Protein backbone atom coordinates (compact mmCIF):
# COMPACT_ATOMS: atom_id res chain seq x y z
CA MET A 1 55.77 21.46 189.42
CA THR A 2 54.75 24.20 191.99
CA ALA A 3 51.97 26.61 192.35
CA TRP A 4 52.53 29.48 193.97
CA PHE A 5 50.45 31.76 195.87
CA PHE A 6 52.14 35.58 196.95
CA LYS A 7 49.75 38.09 198.65
CA PHE A 8 51.26 41.32 200.76
CA PRO A 9 48.21 43.50 201.07
CA LEU A 10 47.69 47.09 203.03
CA ARG A 11 45.74 45.27 205.19
CA PRO A 12 44.33 41.76 206.16
CA SER A 13 41.36 40.73 204.66
CA LEU A 14 39.03 37.45 204.92
CA GLY A 15 36.00 36.90 202.21
CA GLY A 16 35.63 35.68 198.71
CA GLY A 17 39.01 36.45 197.24
CA GLU A 18 40.57 34.39 199.71
CA PHE A 19 38.42 31.50 199.77
CA PHE A 20 38.72 31.76 195.82
CA CYS A 21 42.43 31.72 196.49
CA LEU A 22 42.33 28.69 198.97
CA GLN A 23 40.20 26.84 196.67
CA THR A 24 42.37 27.38 193.47
CA ALA A 25 45.48 26.10 195.76
CA LEU A 26 43.17 23.10 197.08
CA THR A 27 42.58 22.25 193.52
CA LEU A 28 46.29 22.28 192.04
CA ARG A 29 47.27 20.25 194.83
CA GLU A 30 44.98 17.79 193.37
CA LEU A 31 46.00 18.10 189.90
CA GLY A 32 49.64 17.04 191.46
CA TYR A 33 51.16 20.67 191.88
CA ASN A 34 53.47 21.21 195.10
CA ILE A 35 52.02 24.60 196.51
CA ARG A 36 53.65 27.40 198.41
CA LEU A 37 52.48 30.75 199.85
CA ALA A 38 54.11 34.06 200.90
CA THR A 39 52.13 36.16 202.47
CA SER A 40 51.95 39.07 205.18
CA ASP A 41 48.12 38.46 205.54
CA PRO A 42 47.98 36.42 208.75
CA ARG A 43 44.16 35.46 207.64
CA LEU A 44 44.84 33.89 204.78
CA PHE A 45 48.20 32.11 206.32
CA ARG A 46 46.09 30.65 208.70
CA LEU A 47 43.54 29.35 206.33
CA PHE A 48 46.31 27.63 204.18
CA GLU A 49 47.52 26.17 207.61
CA LYS A 50 43.79 24.81 208.28
CA HIS A 51 43.97 23.03 205.04
CA GLY A 52 47.86 21.79 205.58
CA LEU A 53 49.40 23.85 202.88
CA PRO A 54 52.92 25.07 202.97
CA ARG A 55 53.33 28.53 203.68
CA VAL A 56 55.80 31.43 205.35
CA ARG A 57 55.21 34.77 207.00
CA ARG A 58 56.74 37.57 204.41
CA THR A 59 56.42 41.33 203.84
CA LEU A 60 57.01 43.28 200.50
CA GLY A 61 55.84 46.59 201.65
CA ARG A 62 52.84 48.81 201.73
CA GLU A 63 50.14 47.84 199.20
CA PRO A 64 49.81 50.92 197.07
CA VAL A 65 45.91 51.72 197.45
CA SER A 66 46.21 54.25 200.41
CA LYS A 67 47.11 58.11 199.80
CA GLN A 68 49.92 57.10 202.71
CA ALA A 69 51.39 53.73 201.00
CA LEU A 70 51.24 55.48 197.69
CA LEU A 71 53.69 58.24 199.48
CA LEU A 72 56.11 54.93 200.25
CA TRP A 73 55.78 53.32 196.94
CA PRO A 74 59.30 54.92 195.71
CA LEU A 75 60.65 53.37 198.73
CA THR A 76 58.54 49.82 198.76
CA TRP A 77 59.80 49.40 195.06
CA ILE A 78 63.45 49.89 195.87
CA LEU A 79 63.21 47.54 198.82
CA GLY A 80 60.57 44.95 196.91
CA LYS A 81 63.00 44.88 193.77
CA LEU A 82 65.57 43.84 196.34
CA LYS A 83 63.05 41.21 197.96
CA THR A 84 61.46 40.04 195.39
CA LYS A 85 64.74 38.33 193.95
CA TYR A 86 64.80 36.40 197.35
CA LEU A 87 60.92 35.69 197.10
CA LEU A 88 61.15 34.24 193.47
CA LEU A 89 64.45 32.12 194.38
CA GLY A 90 62.68 28.64 194.14
CA VAL A 91 60.46 29.40 191.23
CA ARG A 92 61.49 27.31 188.12
CA ARG A 93 60.15 27.11 184.64
CA GLY A 94 56.75 25.47 184.11
CA ASP A 95 55.87 26.62 187.55
CA VAL A 96 52.81 28.79 187.96
CA VAL A 97 52.52 31.55 190.33
CA PHE A 98 49.40 33.74 191.20
CA PHE A 99 49.69 37.18 192.43
CA HIS A 100 46.57 38.56 194.51
CA SER A 101 47.20 41.83 195.84
CA LEU A 102 48.16 44.97 193.44
CA THR A 103 52.06 45.02 195.39
CA GLU A 104 53.16 41.96 193.98
CA LYS A 105 51.46 42.59 190.53
CA LEU A 106 53.40 45.53 189.97
CA LEU A 107 56.88 44.69 191.62
CA MET A 108 56.93 40.51 190.54
CA THR A 109 55.27 39.75 187.40
CA ARG A 110 58.06 40.66 185.11
CA ALA A 111 60.72 38.55 187.27
CA ALA A 112 58.38 35.22 187.64
CA ASN A 113 58.10 35.40 183.90
CA GLY A 114 61.77 35.72 183.48
CA ARG A 115 61.80 32.60 185.49
CA GLY A 116 59.58 30.66 183.24
CA ALA A 117 57.02 30.47 185.12
CA LYS A 118 52.91 31.34 183.91
CA VAL A 119 51.88 34.24 185.87
CA PHE A 120 48.45 34.66 186.89
CA TRP A 121 46.67 37.84 188.92
CA LEU A 122 43.52 36.72 190.98
CA GLU A 123 41.12 39.59 190.59
CA HIS A 124 38.09 39.25 193.20
CA LYS A 125 37.75 42.95 193.34
CA VAL A 126 35.93 45.18 190.31
CA PRO A 127 38.15 48.33 189.51
CA GLY A 128 37.28 51.02 192.37
CA ARG A 129 38.87 53.92 193.60
CA TRP A 130 42.00 51.69 194.67
CA LEU A 131 42.95 51.45 190.71
CA LEU A 132 40.54 53.87 189.07
CA TRP A 133 41.83 56.70 190.90
CA ASN A 134 45.45 55.28 191.66
CA PRO A 135 48.44 57.11 189.66
CA LEU A 136 49.63 53.66 189.58
CA ARG A 137 46.79 52.38 187.11
CA SER A 138 48.88 53.14 183.58
CA GLN A 139 51.65 51.08 185.07
CA TYR A 140 48.95 48.18 186.12
CA GLN A 141 47.80 47.98 182.77
CA GLN A 142 51.34 47.52 181.19
CA MET A 143 51.98 45.04 183.50
CA ALA A 144 48.30 43.31 182.77
CA LYS A 145 49.88 42.11 179.68
CA GLU A 146 52.25 39.84 180.82
CA ALA A 147 49.82 38.00 183.64
CA VAL A 148 46.59 36.29 182.86
CA VAL A 149 44.14 38.07 184.85
CA LEU A 150 41.68 35.67 186.32
CA THR A 151 38.45 37.41 187.04
CA THR A 152 35.04 35.13 188.95
CA SER A 153 32.54 36.44 186.88
CA GLU A 154 31.94 38.00 183.67
CA PHE A 155 30.67 41.55 185.18
CA SER A 156 33.96 41.31 186.54
CA LYS A 157 35.79 40.70 183.06
CA ASN A 158 33.83 43.03 181.43
CA ARG A 159 34.95 45.92 184.09
CA PHE A 160 38.53 44.68 183.61
CA CYS A 161 38.29 44.78 179.90
CA GLY A 162 36.66 48.71 180.14
CA LEU A 163 40.16 49.77 181.49
CA GLY A 164 41.42 48.39 178.27
CA LEU A 165 42.95 45.22 179.27
CA ASP A 166 43.41 43.06 176.52
CA ASP A 167 40.58 40.78 176.28
CA GLY A 168 42.06 37.84 175.37
CA ARG A 169 44.54 37.93 178.39
CA VAL A 170 41.46 38.43 180.86
CA VAL A 171 39.56 34.67 181.72
CA THR A 172 36.67 34.45 183.80
CA LEU A 173 37.04 31.32 186.24
CA TYR A 174 33.95 30.42 187.87
CA PRO A 175 34.23 29.31 191.53
CA ALA A 176 33.13 25.60 192.57
CA ALA A 177 30.54 23.97 195.33
CA VAL A 178 29.88 21.25 196.21
CA VAL A 179 26.13 19.82 196.26
CA GLY A 180 25.31 18.16 199.25
CA LYS A 181 22.01 16.72 201.00
CA ARG A 182 19.09 18.89 200.41
CA GLY A 183 18.36 20.41 204.06
CA ARG A 184 14.67 20.92 205.21
CA GLN A 185 12.90 23.47 205.59
CA ASN A 186 13.79 24.54 209.56
CA ASN A 187 10.70 26.50 210.77
CA PHE A 188 11.36 29.17 208.39
CA CYS A 189 15.00 30.33 209.65
CA VAL A 190 16.64 32.79 207.20
CA GLY A 191 20.33 33.10 207.02
CA ILE A 192 22.81 35.79 206.31
CA LEU A 193 26.90 34.96 206.10
CA SER A 194 28.64 37.74 204.94
CA ARG A 195 31.15 40.69 206.67
CA LEU A 196 29.08 43.13 208.60
CA ASP A 197 30.27 46.18 206.59
CA PRO A 198 28.25 49.16 205.19
CA GLU A 199 28.61 48.00 201.77
CA LYS A 200 26.58 44.80 202.52
CA GLY A 201 23.78 46.19 203.48
CA ILE A 202 23.00 44.12 206.68
CA ALA A 203 21.97 46.91 208.94
CA ASN A 204 19.61 48.39 206.53
CA PHE A 205 18.07 44.99 205.88
CA ILE A 206 17.51 44.41 209.17
CA ALA A 207 15.52 47.39 209.89
CA THR A 208 13.35 46.84 206.60
CA ILE A 209 12.49 43.22 207.92
CA LEU A 210 11.57 43.97 211.22
CA PRO A 211 8.24 44.87 210.95
CA PHE A 212 7.46 41.75 209.28
CA PHE A 213 9.61 39.52 211.59
CA LYS A 214 7.39 40.65 214.51
CA ARG A 215 3.92 39.49 212.60
CA ASN A 216 5.57 36.15 212.40
CA PRO A 217 7.38 35.51 215.59
CA LYS A 218 8.21 31.99 215.02
CA TRP A 219 10.35 33.15 212.00
CA ARG A 220 14.51 33.37 212.99
CA LEU A 221 17.58 35.26 211.30
CA LEU A 222 20.87 34.10 212.07
CA ILE A 223 23.75 36.74 211.20
CA ALA A 224 27.09 35.09 210.64
CA GLY A 225 30.34 37.31 210.21
CA GLU A 226 32.09 40.12 211.81
CA GLY A 227 32.71 43.53 210.86
CA LYS A 228 32.05 47.27 211.11
CA GLU A 229 28.81 47.27 211.71
CA GLU A 230 28.38 44.55 213.95
CA ASN A 231 27.95 46.51 217.02
CA ALA A 232 25.07 48.65 215.15
CA ILE A 233 23.62 45.77 214.53
CA ARG A 234 23.39 44.51 217.68
CA LYS A 235 22.30 47.60 218.98
CA LEU A 236 19.28 47.34 216.54
CA ILE A 237 18.20 43.97 217.47
CA THR A 238 18.37 45.05 220.96
CA ASP A 239 16.60 48.27 220.81
CA ALA A 240 13.76 46.35 218.88
CA ASP A 241 13.65 43.53 221.61
CA MET A 242 14.27 40.48 219.06
CA SER A 243 16.91 38.75 220.32
CA ALA A 244 14.65 35.93 220.71
CA GLN A 245 14.45 35.76 216.65
CA ILE A 246 17.72 37.47 215.57
CA GLN A 247 20.74 35.80 216.79
CA MET A 248 24.58 37.10 215.77
CA LEU A 249 26.88 33.93 216.02
CA GLY A 250 30.53 35.92 214.89
CA LEU A 251 32.59 34.21 212.72
CA VAL A 252 31.37 30.35 211.92
CA SER A 253 33.84 28.17 211.58
CA ASP A 254 31.77 25.17 210.36
CA GLN A 255 29.59 26.68 207.00
CA LYS A 256 28.20 23.50 206.38
CA ALA A 257 26.51 23.31 210.01
CA PHE A 258 25.25 26.95 209.32
CA PHE A 259 23.46 26.28 205.70
CA GLU A 260 21.88 22.85 207.24
CA GLU A 261 20.53 24.80 210.35
CA ILE A 262 18.62 27.37 207.91
CA SER A 263 16.05 27.14 205.12
CA VAL A 264 16.40 30.42 203.20
CA PHE A 265 19.40 32.49 202.78
CA VAL A 266 19.68 36.57 202.11
CA TYR A 267 22.10 39.03 200.54
CA PRO A 268 21.31 42.39 200.73
CA THR A 269 24.26 43.89 198.90
CA ARG A 270 24.89 47.72 198.10
CA ALA A 271 28.18 47.02 196.72
CA GLU A 272 28.76 45.65 193.14
CA GLU A 273 29.46 42.08 193.67
CA THR A 274 32.15 39.91 191.57
CA PHE A 275 30.40 37.18 192.31
CA GLY A 276 28.62 35.93 195.46
CA MET A 277 30.08 32.59 196.63
CA SER A 278 28.25 32.48 199.86
CA ILE A 279 24.85 32.71 197.51
CA LEU A 280 26.12 29.28 195.94
CA GLU A 281 27.23 27.44 198.93
CA ALA A 282 23.81 27.92 199.96
CA GLU A 283 22.20 26.77 196.78
CA ALA A 284 24.30 23.99 197.13
CA ALA A 285 22.66 22.89 200.18
CA GLY A 286 19.37 23.42 198.95
CA CYS A 287 18.64 26.95 200.82
CA PRO A 288 16.95 29.35 197.85
CA ALA A 289 18.02 32.78 198.42
CA ALA A 290 17.27 36.24 197.98
CA ALA A 291 19.54 38.78 196.83
CA SER A 292 20.44 42.41 195.62
CA ASN A 293 20.26 42.46 192.32
CA ARG A 294 23.92 43.78 191.44
CA GLY A 295 27.19 42.91 190.20
CA ALA A 296 27.53 39.19 189.15
CA ILE A 297 24.59 38.22 191.36
CA ALA A 298 22.05 37.36 188.75
CA GLU A 299 25.32 34.98 187.04
CA VAL A 300 24.94 32.70 190.42
CA LEU A 301 21.13 33.35 191.25
CA SER A 302 18.16 32.79 188.65
CA ASP A 303 15.44 34.91 189.62
CA GLU A 304 12.23 33.15 190.45
CA GLU A 305 13.97 30.12 189.75
CA ALA A 306 16.61 29.65 192.14
CA GLY A 307 15.65 32.29 194.36
CA TYR A 308 14.45 35.98 193.88
CA LEU A 309 16.87 39.29 192.55
CA VAL A 310 15.52 41.82 194.30
CA THR A 311 16.22 45.41 192.67
CA ASP A 312 15.27 47.55 195.48
CA ASP A 313 15.65 47.44 199.05
CA GLY A 314 12.14 48.29 199.98
CA PRO A 315 10.37 46.14 202.33
CA ARG A 316 7.71 44.93 199.96
CA SER A 317 10.49 43.23 197.60
CA TRP A 318 11.59 41.37 200.52
CA GLU A 319 8.75 40.21 202.17
CA TYR A 320 7.38 39.11 198.99
CA ALA A 321 10.08 36.70 198.43
CA PHE A 322 9.75 35.32 202.25
CA SER A 323 6.05 35.04 201.64
CA GLN A 324 6.78 32.76 199.05
CA PHE A 325 9.67 30.53 200.76
CA ALA A 326 7.29 30.67 203.70
CA ASP A 327 5.00 28.32 201.47
CA PRO A 328 6.36 24.54 202.11
CA ASP A 329 4.92 23.70 198.45
CA LYS A 330 6.64 26.72 196.78
CA TYR A 331 9.91 26.08 199.03
CA ALA A 332 10.34 22.61 197.77
CA LYS A 333 10.42 23.92 194.35
CA PHE A 334 12.78 26.48 194.49
CA SER A 335 15.17 24.22 196.65
CA ARG A 336 15.59 21.86 194.46
CA LEU A 337 16.14 24.29 191.47
CA ALA A 338 18.15 25.91 193.88
CA GLN A 339 20.54 22.94 193.66
CA GLU A 340 20.17 22.61 189.97
CA GLN A 341 21.98 25.92 189.56
CA ALA A 342 24.92 24.89 191.82
CA GLN A 343 25.43 21.72 189.97
CA GLY A 344 26.32 24.24 187.14
CA PHE A 345 29.38 24.71 189.52
CA SER A 346 30.94 21.85 190.14
CA ARG A 347 34.51 20.76 191.34
CA GLU A 348 35.03 18.90 188.54
CA ARG A 349 34.05 21.73 185.87
CA PHE A 350 36.47 24.11 188.00
CA ALA A 351 39.56 21.66 188.07
CA GLN A 352 39.07 21.37 184.19
CA SER A 353 38.91 25.11 183.64
CA LEU A 354 42.06 25.33 185.85
CA LYS A 355 44.03 22.65 184.02
CA ASN A 356 43.05 24.14 181.05
CA LEU A 357 44.32 27.69 181.84
CA VAL A 358 47.68 26.04 183.33
CA GLY A 359 48.05 23.78 180.32
CA ILE A 360 47.86 20.56 181.87
């Protein structure tokens, strides 16, 4: 049997959705499936390449989630239908097919079903303008009746069901993390691992915490990631003369080493998050977290146990959380409870859930 993955997005991306796609592929390979990826996204292509998974570069037209792409959609539809036959040529009865972006969901779902495959949609975003205001929304809702829609949280599932999707066809599949050896409290080193985009709230968070980092000159902050706010964040650090305490690492290839270096993880997002994979990975490494209480964050972070859910962006909430983590005795408790929370998201549980979904 073969598990097929398709992704033809408007723009390349590398975030939780892509890593969830990779985790699904690696788990299915362990379960005996052959893996195939066809994508126009160079970042997902390289991610599969890094893990030795078969992949090919293909295109199916621009994803209809912008005004310009929607204007081109009639042409994309015509050409895409012709390409679909070629892209699905190897799909056989009993195979499973995973569609990542809106393009292939609309163009390929019915054809994949017609070849006897079981179709899954990977939905790692909550419905936003890309769908709620999209003139193709009704077509999306209709095609969803022919697929199993996979979300990564109950919060996200409820949002999709709120669009009128059949509750029985929307399934929550929580990501997994491997719990490792608990790290040590490393002179209070705070870590951020995120896209450095405005909705992630990193620049605002740094401006908020600067005063109490200055009062604690031994504290450090490591920022891993790239994005639209990268230069603004760098300027903020330089202007505050905090380069000795706050360092920007860019993209990190060894996340395990990153979590071993830090002692506390923060996630000051302003977005309605669909899960919070980096929080789970931090917990698995024994790093308690402080995160904005948005979207599905509460499903992966237990308030005042594995860390703190911050309900506002003001300095008092963050400073209170840091003061608790800075206490060695309290830190040890938070670290232990963080790993206990992560154990509820084991790879074994993920694999069993996936087996149940694909029917093996």
